[in-house]
PDB file of N, CA and C in Angstrom:
ATOM      1  N   MET A   1     -93.188 -16.214  20.088  1.00  0.00           N
ATOM      2  CA  MET A   1     -92.521 -17.028  21.096  1.00  0.00           C
ATOM      3  C   MET A   1     -91.743 -16.145  22.093  1.00  0.00           C
ATOM      4  N   LYS A   2     -91.049 -15.134  21.546  1.00  0.00           N
ATOM      5  CA  LYS A   2     -90.280 -14.242  22.410  1.00  0.00           C
ATOM      6  C   LYS A   2     -91.200 -13.505  23.368  1.00  0.00           C
ATOM      7  N   GLN A   3     -92.383 -13.121  22.883  1.00  0.00           N
ATOM      8  CA  GLN A   3     -93.321 -12.391  23.725  1.00  0.00           C
ATOM      9  C   GLN A   3     -93.814 -13.262  24.873  1.00  0.00           C
ATOM     10  N   ILE A   4     -94.053 -14.531  24.614  1.00  0.00           N
ATOM     11  CA  ILE A   4     -94.519 -15.453  25.657  1.00  0.00           C
ATOM     12  C   ILE A   4     -93.438 -15.632  26.718  1.00  0.00           C
ATOM     13  N   ILE A   5     -92.204 -15.793  26.277  1.00  0.00           N
ATOM     14  CA  ILE A   5     -91.089 -15.958  27.216  1.00  0.00           C
ATOM     15  C   ILE A   5     -90.914 -14.690  28.045  1.00  0.00           C
ATOM     16  N   LEU A   6     -91.014 -13.530  27.398  1.00  0.00           N
ATOM     17  CA  LEU A   6     -90.872 -12.266  28.112  1.00  0.00           C
ATOM     18  C   LEU A   6     -91.987 -12.098  29.144  1.00  0.00           C
ATOM     19  N   CYS A   7     -93.229 -12.401  28.775  1.00  0.00           N
ATOM     20  CA  CYS A   7     -94.351 -12.308  29.713  1.00  0.00           C
ATOM     21  C   CYS A   7     -94.152 -13.250  30.896  1.00  0.00           C
ATOM     22  N   PHE A   8     -93.712 -14.470  30.622  1.00  0.00           N
ATOM     23  CA  PHE A   8     -93.465 -15.440  31.681  1.00  0.00           C
ATOM     24  C   PHE A   8     -92.373 -14.931  32.620  1.00  0.00           C
ATOM     25  N   PHE A   9     -91.310 -14.386  32.040  1.00  0.00           N
ATOM     26  CA  PHE A   9     -90.207 -13.872  32.841  1.00  0.00           C
ATOM     27  C   PHE A   9     -90.670 -12.716  33.735  1.00  0.00           C
ATOM     28  N   LEU A  10     -91.424 -11.782  33.168  1.00  0.00           N
ATOM     29  CA  LEU A  10     -91.914 -10.656  33.962  1.00  0.00           C
ATOM     30  C   LEU A  10     -92.865 -11.113  35.062  1.00  0.00           C
ATOM     31  N   PHE A  11     -93.748 -12.060  34.746  1.00  0.00           N
ATOM     32  CA  PHE A  11     -94.668 -12.590  35.745  1.00  0.00           C
ATOM     33  C   PHE A  11     -93.903 -13.285  36.863  1.00  0.00           C
ATOM     34  N   PHE A  12     -92.933 -14.098  36.504  1.00  0.00           N
ATOM     35  CA  PHE A  12     -92.140 -14.819  37.493  1.00  0.00           C
ATOM     36  C   PHE A  12     -91.354 -13.850  38.372  1.00  0.00           C
ATOM     37  N   THR A  13     -90.777 -12.808  37.752  1.00  0.00           N
ATOM     38  CA  THR A  13     -90.010 -11.815  38.513  1.00  0.00           C
ATOM     39  C   THR A  13     -90.915 -11.077  39.497  1.00  0.00           C
ATOM     40  N   ALA A  14     -92.082 -10.640  39.025  1.00  0.00           N
ATOM     41  CA  ALA A  14     -93.018  -9.939  39.903  1.00  0.00           C
ATOM     42  C   ALA A  14     -93.489 -10.844  41.031  1.00  0.00           C
ATOM     43  N   PHE A  15     -93.772 -12.108  40.729  1.00  0.00           N
ATOM     44  CA  PHE A  15     -94.215 -13.057  41.742  1.00  0.00           C
ATOM     45  C   PHE A  15     -93.125 -13.299  42.774  1.00  0.00           C
ATOM     46  N   SER A  16     -91.864 -13.468  42.321  1.00  0.00           N
ATOM     47  CA  SER A  16     -90.767 -13.698  43.278  1.00  0.00           C
ATOM     48  C   SER A  16     -90.532 -12.489  44.154  1.00  0.00           C
ATOM     49  N   MET A  17     -90.656 -11.275  43.593  1.00  0.00           N
ATOM     50  CA  MET A  17     -90.462 -10.083  44.415  1.00  0.00           C
ATOM     51  C   MET A  17     -91.573  -9.970  45.451  1.00  0.00           C
ATOM     52  N   GLN A  18     -92.798 -10.293  45.086  1.00  0.00           N
ATOM     53  CA  GLN A  18     -93.919 -10.235  46.023  1.00  0.00           C
ATOM     54  C   GLN A  18     -93.722 -11.269  47.131  1.00  0.00           C
ATOM     55  N   ALA A  19     -93.259 -12.447  46.781  1.00  0.00           N
ATOM     56  CA  ALA A  19     -93.036 -13.488  47.779  1.00  0.00           C
ATOM     57  C   ALA A  19     -91.894 -13.098  48.713  1.00  0.00           C
ATOM     58  N   HIS A  20     -90.884 -12.425  48.168  1.00  0.00           N
ATOM     59  CA  HIS A  20     -89.740 -12.023  48.977  1.00  0.00           C
ATOM     60  C   HIS A  20     -90.099 -10.877  49.930  1.00  0.00           C
ATOM     61  N   VAL A  21     -90.813  -9.884  49.438  1.00  0.00           N
ATOM     62  CA  VAL A  21     -91.156  -8.721  50.240  1.00  0.00           C
ATOM     63  C   VAL A  21     -92.359  -9.001  51.117  1.00  0.00           C
ATOM     64  N   GLY A  22     -93.304  -9.760  50.618  1.00  0.00           N
ATOM     65  CA  GLY A  22     -94.531 -10.019  51.349  1.00  0.00           C
ATOM     66  C   GLY A  22     -95.608  -9.069  50.889  1.00  0.00           C
ATOM     67  N   PRO A  23     -96.817  -9.299  51.320  1.00  0.00           N
ATOM     68  CA  PRO A  23     -97.905  -8.429  50.888  1.00  0.00           C
ATOM     69  C   PRO A  23     -97.761  -7.028  51.481  1.00  0.00           C
ATOM     70  N   LEU A  24     -98.142  -6.062  50.692  1.00  0.00           N
ATOM     71  CA  LEU A  24     -98.091  -4.679  51.153  1.00  0.00           C
ATOM     72  C   LEU A  24     -99.470  -4.278  51.641  1.00  0.00           C
ATOM     73  N   SER A  25     -99.590  -4.082  52.935  1.00  0.00           N
ATOM     74  CA  SER A  25    -100.855  -3.635  53.506  1.00  0.00           C
ATOM     75  C   SER A  25    -100.576  -2.442  54.388  1.00  0.00           C
ATOM     76  N   SER A  26    -101.612  -1.827  54.870  1.00  0.00           N
ATOM     77  CA  SER A  26    -101.409  -0.644  55.698  1.00  0.00           C
ATOM     78  C   SER A  26    -100.781  -0.999  57.045  1.00  0.00           C
ATOM     79  N   ASP A  27    -100.864  -2.278  57.447  1.00  0.00           N
ATOM     80  CA  ASP A  27    -100.270  -2.694  58.718  1.00  0.00           C
ATOM     81  C   ASP A  27     -98.823  -3.133  58.552  1.00  0.00           C
ATOM     82  N   SER A  28     -98.392  -3.330  57.326  1.00  0.00           N
ATOM     83  CA  SER A  28     -97.062  -3.852  57.059  1.00  0.00           C
ATOM     84  C   SER A  28     -96.015  -2.748  57.167  1.00  0.00           C
ATOM     85  N   PRO A  29     -94.837  -3.065  57.717  1.00  0.00           N
ATOM     86  CA  PRO A  29     -93.772  -2.060  57.760  1.00  0.00           C
ATOM     87  C   PRO A  29     -93.210  -1.788  56.373  1.00  0.00           C
ATOM     88  N   ASN A  30     -93.525  -2.636  55.395  1.00  0.00           N
ATOM     89  CA  ASN A  30     -93.043  -2.450  54.032  1.00  0.00           C
ATOM     90  C   ASN A  30     -94.027  -1.657  53.178  1.00  0.00           C
ATOM     91  N   THR A  31     -95.021  -1.086  53.795  1.00  0.00           N
ATOM     92  CA  THR A  31     -96.035  -0.357  53.046  1.00  0.00           C
ATOM     93  C   THR A  31     -95.411   0.796  52.289  1.00  0.00           C
ATOM     94  N   ILE A  32     -95.774   0.897  51.033  1.00  0.00           N
ATOM     95  CA  ILE A  32     -95.297   1.993  50.213  1.00  0.00           C
ATOM     96  C   ILE A  32     -96.427   3.001  50.123  1.00  0.00           C
ATOM     97  N   SER A  33     -96.237   4.121  50.752  1.00  0.00           N
ATOM     98  CA  SER A  33     -97.244   5.174  50.674  1.00  0.00           C
ATOM     99  C   SER A  33     -96.544   6.507  50.791  1.00  0.00           C
ATOM    100  N   PRO A  34     -96.950   7.464  49.980  1.00  0.00           N
ATOM    101  CA  PRO A  34     -96.313   8.776  50.095  1.00  0.00           C
ATOM    102  C   PRO A  34     -96.720   9.442  51.394  1.00  0.00           C
ATOM    103  N   LYS A  35     -95.749   9.929  52.120  1.00  0.00           N
ATOM    104  CA  LYS A  35     -96.030  10.629  53.369  1.00  0.00           C
ATOM    105  C   LYS A  35     -95.692  12.090  53.155  1.00  0.00           C
ATOM    106  N   ILE A  36     -96.698  12.845  52.852  1.00  0.00           N
ATOM    107  CA  ILE A  36     -96.523  14.263  52.610  1.00  0.00           C
ATOM    108  C   ILE A  36     -97.180  15.009  53.752  1.00  0.00           C
ATOM    109  N   SER A  37     -96.408  15.800  54.422  1.00  0.00           N
ATOM    110  CA  SER A  37     -96.976  16.583  55.505  1.00  0.00           C
ATOM    111  C   SER A  37     -97.670  17.813  54.928  1.00  0.00           C
ATOM    112  N   ILE A  38     -98.432  18.467  55.739  1.00  0.00           N
ATOM    113  CA  ILE A  38     -99.096  19.692  55.295  1.00  0.00           C
ATOM    114  C   ILE A  38     -98.044  20.726  54.927  1.00  0.00           C
ATOM    115  N   PHE A  39     -96.936  20.737  55.674  1.00  0.00           N
ATOM    116  CA  PHE A  39     -95.862  21.683  55.414  1.00  0.00           C
ATOM    117  C   PHE A  39     -95.286  21.470  54.020  1.00  0.00           C
ATOM    118  N   GLU A  40     -94.993  20.201  53.641  1.00  0.00           N
ATOM    119  CA  GLU A  40     -94.466  19.904  52.317  1.00  0.00           C
ATOM    120  C   GLU A  40     -95.500  20.192  51.244  1.00  0.00           C
ATOM    121  N   ASP A  41     -96.776  19.942  51.539  1.00  0.00           N
ATOM    122  CA  ASP A  41     -97.827  20.196  50.571  1.00  0.00           C
ATOM    123  C   ASP A  41     -97.923  21.688  50.276  1.00  0.00           C
ATOM    124  N   ASP A  42     -97.694  22.544  51.271  1.00  0.00           N
ATOM    125  CA  ASP A  42     -97.695  23.988  51.050  1.00  0.00           C
ATOM    126  C   ASP A  42     -96.581  24.385  50.085  1.00  0.00           C
ATOM    127  N   TYR A  43     -95.433  23.724  50.184  1.00  0.00           N
ATOM    128  CA  TYR A  43     -94.326  24.020  49.289  1.00  0.00           C
ATOM    129  C   TYR A  43     -94.711  23.743  47.842  1.00  0.00           C
ATOM    130  N   ASN A  44     -95.508  22.709  47.612  1.00  0.00           N
ATOM    131  CA  ASN A  44     -95.893  22.349  46.255  1.00  0.00           C
ATOM    132  C   ASN A  44     -96.828  23.371  45.635  1.00  0.00           C
ATOM    133  N   LYS A  45     -97.490  24.189  46.431  1.00  0.00           N
ATOM    134  CA  LYS A  45     -98.445  25.172  45.924  1.00  0.00           C
ATOM    135  C   LYS A  45     -97.804  26.525  45.649  1.00  0.00           C
ATOM    136  N   ILE A  46     -96.524  26.675  45.904  1.00  0.00           N
ATOM    137  CA  ILE A  46     -95.848  27.948  45.687  1.00  0.00           C
ATOM    138  C   ILE A  46     -95.730  28.188  44.188  1.00  0.00           C
ATOM    139  N   SER A  47     -96.081  29.391  43.768  1.00  0.00           N
ATOM    140  CA  SER A  47     -95.916  29.733  42.363  1.00  0.00           C
ATOM    141  C   SER A  47     -95.423  31.169  42.238  1.00  0.00           C
ATOM    142  N   ILE A  48     -94.705  31.407  41.149  1.00  0.00           N
ATOM    143  CA  ILE A  48     -94.149  32.723  40.869  1.00  0.00           C
ATOM    144  C   ILE A  48     -94.912  33.285  39.673  1.00  0.00           C
ATOM    145  N   PHE A  49     -95.387  34.498  39.799  1.00  0.00           N
ATOM    146  CA  PHE A  49     -96.158  35.100  38.721  1.00  0.00           C
ATOM    147  C   PHE A  49     -95.850  36.591  38.651  1.00  0.00           C
ATOM    148  N   PRO A  50     -96.115  37.312  37.602  1.00  0.00           N
ATOM    149  CA  PRO A  50     -96.530  36.799  36.293  1.00  0.00           C
ATOM    150  C   PRO A  50     -95.341  36.151  35.585  1.00  0.00           C
ATOM    151  N   ASN A  51     -95.639  35.276  34.695  1.00  0.00           N
ATOM    152  CA  ASN A  51     -94.609  34.623  33.902  1.00  0.00           C
ATOM    153  C   ASN A  51     -95.107  34.564  32.469  1.00  0.00           C
ATOM    154  N   PRO A  52     -94.584  35.357  31.576  1.00  0.00           N
ATOM    155  CA  PRO A  52     -93.344  36.127  31.653  1.00  0.00           C
ATOM    156  C   PRO A  52     -93.508  37.412  32.467  1.00  0.00           C
ATOM    157  N   ALA A  53     -92.427  37.806  33.099  1.00  0.00           N
ATOM    158  CA  ALA A  53     -92.409  39.013  33.925  1.00  0.00           C
ATOM    159  C   ALA A  53     -91.870  40.177  33.111  1.00  0.00           C
ATOM    160  N   THR A  54     -92.275  41.382  33.488  1.00  0.00           N
ATOM    161  CA  THR A  54     -91.733  42.586  32.840  1.00  0.00           C
ATOM    162  C   THR A  54     -91.087  43.510  33.865  1.00  0.00           C
ATOM    163  N   GLU A  55     -91.841  43.885  34.893  1.00  0.00           N
ATOM    164  CA  GLU A  55     -91.349  44.832  35.889  1.00  0.00           C
ATOM    165  C   GLU A  55     -91.081  44.191  37.252  1.00  0.00           C
ATOM    166  N   PHE A  56     -91.889  43.206  37.611  1.00  0.00           N
ATOM    167  CA  PHE A  56     -91.788  42.624  38.943  1.00  0.00           C
ATOM    168  C   PHE A  56     -92.270  41.171  38.896  1.00  0.00           C
ATOM    169  N   ILE A  57     -91.958  40.426  39.966  1.00  0.00           N
ATOM    170  CA  ILE A  57     -92.522  39.099  40.178  1.00  0.00           C
ATOM    171  C   ILE A  57     -93.123  39.068  41.578  1.00  0.00           C
ATOM    172  N   SER A  58     -94.087  38.222  41.754  1.00  0.00           N
ATOM    173  CA  SER A  58     -94.703  37.992  43.057  1.00  0.00           C
ATOM    174  C   SER A  58     -94.709  36.499  43.311  1.00  0.00           C
ATOM    175  N   ILE A  59     -94.900  36.135  44.569  1.00  0.00           N
ATOM    176  CA  ILE A  59     -94.908  34.720  44.947  1.00  0.00           C
ATOM    177  C   ILE A  59     -96.219  34.418  45.645  1.00  0.00           C
ATOM    178  N   ALA A  60     -96.926  33.430  45.133  1.00  0.00           N
ATOM    179  CA  ALA A  60     -98.168  32.986  45.765  1.00  0.00           C
ATOM    180  C   ALA A  60     -97.830  31.930  46.804  1.00  0.00           C
ATOM    181  N   ASN A  61     -98.504  31.969  47.937  1.00  0.00           N
ATOM    182  CA  ASN A  61     -98.298  31.039  49.042  1.00  0.00           C
ATOM    183  C   ASN A  61     -96.862  31.127  49.559  1.00  0.00           C
ATOM    184  N   ASP A  62     -96.452  32.328  49.912  1.00  0.00           N
ATOM    185  CA  ASP A  62     -95.054  32.576  50.283  1.00  0.00           C
ATOM    186  C   ASP A  62     -94.803  32.640  51.786  1.00  0.00           C
ATOM    187  N   LYS A  63     -95.697  32.078  52.579  1.00  0.00           N
ATOM    188  CA  LYS A  63     -95.553  32.219  54.033  1.00  0.00           C
ATOM    189  C   LYS A  63     -94.307  31.529  54.587  1.00  0.00           C
ATOM    190  N   ASN A  64     -93.765  30.517  53.909  1.00  0.00           N
ATOM    191  CA  ASN A  64     -92.567  29.821  54.392  1.00  0.00           C
ATOM    192  C   ASN A  64     -91.290  30.316  53.723  1.00  0.00           C
ATOM    193  N   VAL A  65     -91.403  31.274  52.808  1.00  0.00           N
ATOM    194  CA  VAL A  65     -90.253  31.739  52.043  1.00  0.00           C
ATOM    195  C   VAL A  65     -89.525  32.838  52.815  1.00  0.00           C
ATOM    196  N   LYS A  66     -88.224  32.680  52.959  1.00  0.00           N
ATOM    197  CA  LYS A  66     -87.384  33.658  53.660  1.00  0.00           C
ATOM    198  C   LYS A  66     -86.512  34.446  52.689  1.00  0.00           C
ATOM    199  N   GLN A  67     -86.104  33.794  51.588  1.00  0.00           N
ATOM    200  CA  GLN A  67     -85.160  34.422  50.674  1.00  0.00           C
ATOM    201  C   GLN A  67     -85.515  34.065  49.232  1.00  0.00           C
ATOM    202  N   VAL A  68     -85.379  35.035  48.337  1.00  0.00           N
ATOM    203  CA  VAL A  68     -85.627  34.857  46.905  1.00  0.00           C
ATOM    204  C   VAL A  68     -84.326  35.183  46.191  1.00  0.00           C
ATOM    205  N   ILE A  69     -83.816  34.231  45.427  1.00  0.00           N
ATOM    206  CA  ILE A  69     -82.566  34.434  44.701  1.00  0.00           C
ATOM    207  C   ILE A  69     -82.838  34.183  43.220  1.00  0.00           C
ATOM    208  N   ILE A  70     -82.388  35.101  42.381  1.00  0.00           N
ATOM    209  CA  ILE A  70     -82.578  34.963  40.935  1.00  0.00           C
ATOM    210  C   ILE A  70     -81.225  34.698  40.290  1.00  0.00           C
ATOM    211  N   PHE A  71     -81.162  33.602  39.521  1.00  0.00           N
ATOM    212  CA  PHE A  71     -79.954  33.208  38.802  1.00  0.00           C
ATOM    213  C   PHE A  71     -80.222  33.273  37.305  1.00  0.00           C
ATOM    214  N   ASN A  72     -79.177  33.576  36.517  1.00  0.00           N
ATOM    215  CA  ASN A  72     -79.329  33.408  35.083  1.00  0.00           C
ATOM    216  C   ASN A  72     -79.111  31.928  34.771  1.00  0.00           C
ATOM    217  N   LEU A  73     -79.274  31.535  33.527  1.00  0.00           N
ATOM    218  CA  LEU A  73     -79.184  30.105  33.192  1.00  0.00           C
ATOM    219  C   LEU A  73     -77.767  29.565  33.245  1.00  0.00           C
ATOM    220  N   VAL A  74     -76.772  30.434  33.351  1.00  0.00           N
ATOM    221  CA  VAL A  74     -75.391  29.997  33.511  1.00  0.00           C
ATOM    222  C   VAL A  74     -75.091  29.714  34.976  1.00  0.00           C
ATOM    223  N   GLY A  75     -75.959  30.181  35.873  1.00  0.00           N
ATOM    224  CA  GLY A  75     -75.782  29.950  37.293  1.00  0.00           C
ATOM    225  C   GLY A  75     -75.271  31.147  38.058  1.00  0.00           C
ATOM    226  N   ARG A  76     -75.144  32.281  37.391  1.00  0.00           N
ATOM    227  CA  ARG A  76     -74.671  33.500  38.058  1.00  0.00           C
ATOM    228  C   ARG A  76     -75.817  34.133  38.836  1.00  0.00           C
ATOM    229  N   LYS A  77     -75.547  34.469  40.097  1.00  0.00           N
ATOM    230  CA  LYS A  77     -76.555  35.107  40.935  1.00  0.00           C
ATOM    231  C   LYS A  77     -76.754  36.538  40.444  1.00  0.00           C
ATOM    232  N   MET A  78     -78.003  36.859  40.090  1.00  0.00           N
ATOM    233  CA  MET A  78     -78.314  38.171  39.548  1.00  0.00           C
ATOM    234  C   MET A  78     -78.924  39.104  40.598  1.00  0.00           C
ATOM    235  N   LYS A  79     -79.805  38.567  41.454  1.00  0.00           N
ATOM    236  CA  LYS A  79     -80.466  39.374  42.483  1.00  0.00           C
ATOM    237  C   LYS A  79     -80.781  38.499  43.680  1.00  0.00           C
ATOM    238  N   THR A  80     -80.810  39.117  44.859  1.00  0.00           N
ATOM    239  CA  THR A  80     -81.216  38.440  46.086  1.00  0.00           C
ATOM    240  C   THR A  80     -82.169  39.365  46.839  1.00  0.00           C
ATOM    241  N   PHE A  81     -83.257  38.783  47.326  1.00  0.00           N
ATOM    242  CA  PHE A  81     -84.244  39.542  48.094  1.00  0.00           C
ATOM    243  C   PHE A  81     -84.531  38.799  49.398  1.00  0.00           C
ATOM    244  N   GLU A  82     -84.737  39.547  50.456  1.00  0.00           N
ATOM    245  CA  GLU A  82     -85.300  38.975  51.679  1.00  0.00           C
ATOM    246  C   GLU A  82     -86.803  38.970  51.469  1.00  0.00           C
ATOM    247  N   ALA A  83     -87.417  37.828  51.639  1.00  0.00           N
ATOM    248  CA  ALA A  83     -88.843  37.682  51.324  1.00  0.00           C
ATOM    249  C   ALA A  83     -89.719  38.327  52.387  1.00  0.00           C
ATOM    250  N   VAL A  84     -90.727  39.024  51.906  1.00  0.00           N
ATOM    251  CA  VAL A  84     -91.758  39.608  52.751  1.00  0.00           C
ATOM    252  C   VAL A  84     -93.078  39.184  52.133  1.00  0.00           C
ATOM    253  N   SER A  85     -93.961  38.634  52.935  1.00  0.00           N
ATOM    254  CA  SER A  85     -95.221  38.112  52.425  1.00  0.00           C
ATOM    255  C   SER A  85     -96.000  39.187  51.665  1.00  0.00           C
ATOM    256  N   GLY A  86     -96.416  38.837  50.455  1.00  0.00           N
ATOM    257  CA  GLY A  86     -97.208  39.734  49.633  1.00  0.00           C
ATOM    258  C   GLY A  86     -96.413  40.789  48.881  1.00  0.00           C
ATOM    259  N   GLU A  87     -95.103  40.787  49.002  1.00  0.00           N
ATOM    260  CA  GLU A  87     -94.270  41.800  48.354  1.00  0.00           C
ATOM    261  C   GLU A  87     -94.054  41.466  46.879  1.00  0.00           C
ATOM    262  N   GLN A  88     -93.802  42.513  46.091  1.00  0.00           N
ATOM    263  CA  GLN A  88     -93.417  42.346  44.698  1.00  0.00           C
ATOM    264  C   GLN A  88     -91.906  42.582  44.615  1.00  0.00           C
ATOM    265  N   TYR A  89     -91.229  41.776  43.788  1.00  0.00           N
ATOM    266  CA  TYR A  89     -89.777  41.854  43.673  1.00  0.00           C
ATOM    267  C   TYR A  89     -89.426  42.435  42.308  1.00  0.00           C
ATOM    268  N   ASP A  90     -88.667  43.522  42.314  1.00  0.00           N
ATOM    269  CA  ASP A  90     -88.344  44.269  41.105  1.00  0.00           C
ATOM    270  C   ASP A  90     -87.335  43.511  40.235  1.00  0.00           C
ATOM    271  N   VAL A  91     -87.734  43.232  38.995  1.00  0.00           N
ATOM    272  CA  VAL A  91     -86.842  42.585  38.029  1.00  0.00           C
ATOM    273  C   VAL A  91     -86.701  43.447  36.773  1.00  0.00           C
ATOM    274  N   SER A  92     -87.119  44.709  36.861  1.00  0.00           N
ATOM    275  CA  SER A  92     -87.133  45.571  35.685  1.00  0.00           C
ATOM    276  C   SER A  92     -85.743  45.823  35.109  1.00  0.00           C
ATOM    277  N   ASN A  93     -84.702  45.791  35.933  1.00  0.00           N
ATOM    278  CA  ASN A  93     -83.360  46.069  35.437  1.00  0.00           C
ATOM    279  C   ASN A  93     -82.617  44.813  34.948  1.00  0.00           C
ATOM    280  N   LEU A  94     -83.259  43.655  34.988  1.00  0.00           N
ATOM    281  CA  LEU A  94     -82.641  42.446  34.441  1.00  0.00           C
ATOM    282  C   LEU A  94     -82.815  42.430  32.924  1.00  0.00           C
ATOM    283  N   PRO A  95     -81.791  41.979  32.193  1.00  0.00           N
ATOM    284  CA  PRO A  95     -81.949  41.855  30.740  1.00  0.00           C
ATOM    285  C   PRO A  95     -83.028  40.813  30.407  1.00  0.00           C
ATOM    286  N   ASN A  96     -83.652  40.970  29.256  1.00  0.00           N
ATOM    287  CA  ASN A  96     -84.642  39.987  28.826  1.00  0.00           C
ATOM    288  C   ASN A  96     -83.994  38.618  28.694  1.00  0.00           C
ATOM    289  N   GLY A  97     -84.725  37.595  29.067  1.00  0.00           N
ATOM    290  CA  GLY A  97     -84.200  36.235  28.965  1.00  0.00           C
ATOM    291  C   GLY A  97     -84.855  35.315  29.973  1.00  0.00           C
ATOM    292  N   MET A  98     -84.250  34.148  30.144  1.00  0.00           N
ATOM    293  CA  MET A  98     -84.747  33.132  31.072  1.00  0.00           C
ATOM    294  C   MET A  98     -83.925  33.184  32.358  1.00  0.00           C
ATOM    295  N   TYR A  99     -84.613  32.981  33.485  1.00  0.00           N
ATOM    296  CA  TYR A  99     -83.972  33.015  34.796  1.00  0.00           C
ATOM    297  C   TYR A  99     -84.508  31.891  35.665  1.00  0.00           C
ATOM    298  N   LEU A 100     -83.728  31.504  36.650  1.00  0.00           N
ATOM    299  CA  LEU A 100     -84.152  30.543  37.656  1.00  0.00           C
ATOM    300  C   LEU A 100     -84.351  31.298  38.962  1.00  0.00           C
ATOM    301  N   VAL A 101     -85.520  31.132  39.540  1.00  0.00           N
ATOM    302  CA  VAL A 101     -85.831  31.784  40.812  1.00  0.00           C
ATOM    303  C   VAL A 101     -85.817  30.712  41.886  1.00  0.00           C
ATOM    304  N   GLN A 102     -84.915  30.855  42.826  1.00  0.00           N
ATOM    305  CA  GLN A 102     -84.770  29.886  43.913  1.00  0.00           C
ATOM    306  C   GLN A 102     -85.382  30.479  45.173  1.00  0.00           C
ATOM    307  N   LEU A 103     -86.254  29.720  45.801  1.00  0.00           N
ATOM    308  CA  LEU A 103     -86.896  30.155  47.042  1.00  0.00           C
ATOM    309  C   LEU A 103     -86.340  29.329  48.189  1.00  0.00           C
ATOM    310  N   ARG A 104     -85.947  30.006  49.258  1.00  0.00           N
ATOM    311  CA  ARG A 104     -85.376  29.324  50.430  1.00  0.00           C
ATOM    312  C   ARG A 104     -86.221  29.620  51.658  1.00  0.00           C
ATOM    313  N   ASP A 105     -86.220  28.656  52.590  1.00  0.00           N
ATOM    314  CA  ASP A 105     -86.997  28.814  53.817  1.00  0.00           C
ATOM    315  C   ASP A 105     -86.157  29.491  54.903  1.00  0.00           C
ATOM    316  N   HIS A 106     -86.658  29.496  56.124  1.00  0.00           N
ATOM    317  CA  HIS A 106     -85.986  30.187  57.235  1.00  0.00           C
ATOM    318  C   HIS A 106     -84.666  29.541  57.632  1.00  0.00           C
ATOM    319  N   ASN A 107     -84.476  28.267  57.264  1.00  0.00           N
ATOM    320  CA  ASN A 107     -83.204  27.590  57.509  1.00  0.00           C
ATOM    321  C   ASN A 107     -82.285  27.685  56.299  1.00  0.00           C
ATOM    322  N   LEU A 108     -82.678  28.495  55.312  1.00  0.00           N
ATOM    323  CA  LEU A 108     -81.977  28.675  54.047  1.00  0.00           C
ATOM    324  C   LEU A 108     -81.899  27.381  53.231  1.00  0.00           C
ATOM    325  N   LYS A 109     -82.828  26.490  53.481  1.00  0.00           N
ATOM    326  CA  LYS A 109     -82.957  25.264  52.691  1.00  0.00           C
ATOM    327  C   LYS A 109     -83.784  25.591  51.453  1.00  0.00           C
ATOM    328  N   VAL A 110     -83.376  25.068  50.299  1.00  0.00           N
ATOM    329  CA  VAL A 110     -84.076  25.354  49.049  1.00  0.00           C
ATOM    330  C   VAL A 110     -85.454  24.702  49.078  1.00  0.00           C
ATOM    331  N   ILE A 111     -86.476  25.525  48.928  1.00  0.00           N
ATOM    332  CA  ILE A 111     -87.848  25.036  48.868  1.00  0.00           C
ATOM    333  C   ILE A 111     -88.148  24.569  47.454  1.00  0.00           C
ATOM    334  N   THR A 112     -87.901  25.458  46.496  1.00  0.00           N
ATOM    335  CA  THR A 112     -88.155  25.146  45.098  1.00  0.00           C
ATOM    336  C   THR A 112     -87.325  26.073  44.232  1.00  0.00           C
ATOM    337  N   THR A 113     -87.118  25.653  43.011  1.00  0.00           N
ATOM    338  CA  THR A 113     -86.490  26.494  42.000  1.00  0.00           C
ATOM    339  C   THR A 113     -87.401  26.459  40.789  1.00  0.00           C
ATOM    340  N   GLN A 114     -87.813  27.619  40.338  1.00  0.00           N
ATOM    341  CA  GLN A 114     -88.723  27.693  39.199  1.00  0.00           C
ATOM    342  C   GLN A 114     -88.121  28.607  38.132  1.00  0.00           C
ATOM    343  N   ARG A 115     -88.465  28.294  36.893  1.00  0.00           N
ATOM    344  CA  ARG A 115     -87.968  29.054  35.751  1.00  0.00           C
ATOM    345  C   ARG A 115     -88.968  30.146  35.400  1.00  0.00           C
ATOM    346  N   ILE A 116     -88.445  31.330  35.130  1.00  0.00           N
ATOM    347  CA  ILE A 116     -89.308  32.417  34.666  1.00  0.00           C
ATOM    348  C   ILE A 116     -88.669  33.040  33.422  1.00  0.00           C
ATOM    349  N   SER A 117     -89.496  33.717  32.687  1.00  0.00           N
ATOM    350  CA  SER A 117     -89.046  34.447  31.521  1.00  0.00           C
ATOM    351  C   SER A 117     -89.204  35.932  31.815  1.00  0.00           C
ATOM    352  N   LYS A 118     -88.198  36.715  31.469  1.00  0.00           N
ATOM    353  CA  LYS A 118     -88.232  38.170  31.662  1.00  0.00           C
ATOM    354  C   LYS A 118     -88.290  38.811  30.288  1.00  0.00           C
ATOM    355  N   ARG A 119     -89.310  39.647  30.059  1.00  0.00           N
ATOM    356  CA  ARG A 119     -89.456  40.330  28.766  1.00  0.00           C
ATOM    357  C   ARG A 119     -89.455  41.815  28.956  1.00  0.00           C
TER     358      ARG A 119
END
């Protein structure tokens, strides 16, 4: 009985929301669709390798990256690099452990933060 009431309630709620918002079509101003530009899509393809790192790290698809900052897991800034396309960044003097690598663009806006392991 509880399941029937719950199903009815969910159906009624979904129906009322659809009636209130209206149908979602490509012509509707209420259309829900992800709008990802090519620029944002490039950010999603950025990767840091090798992981785990030993001597250096590199960044794939780094054309929009201006600055590379490495933090320990407590949040202390350990290293900062000005990004150069295709460059390797020396991490050999960092103690073994986990680090967060923050990549920033030319406006110093954070593009992504990725976790790496240093061995």
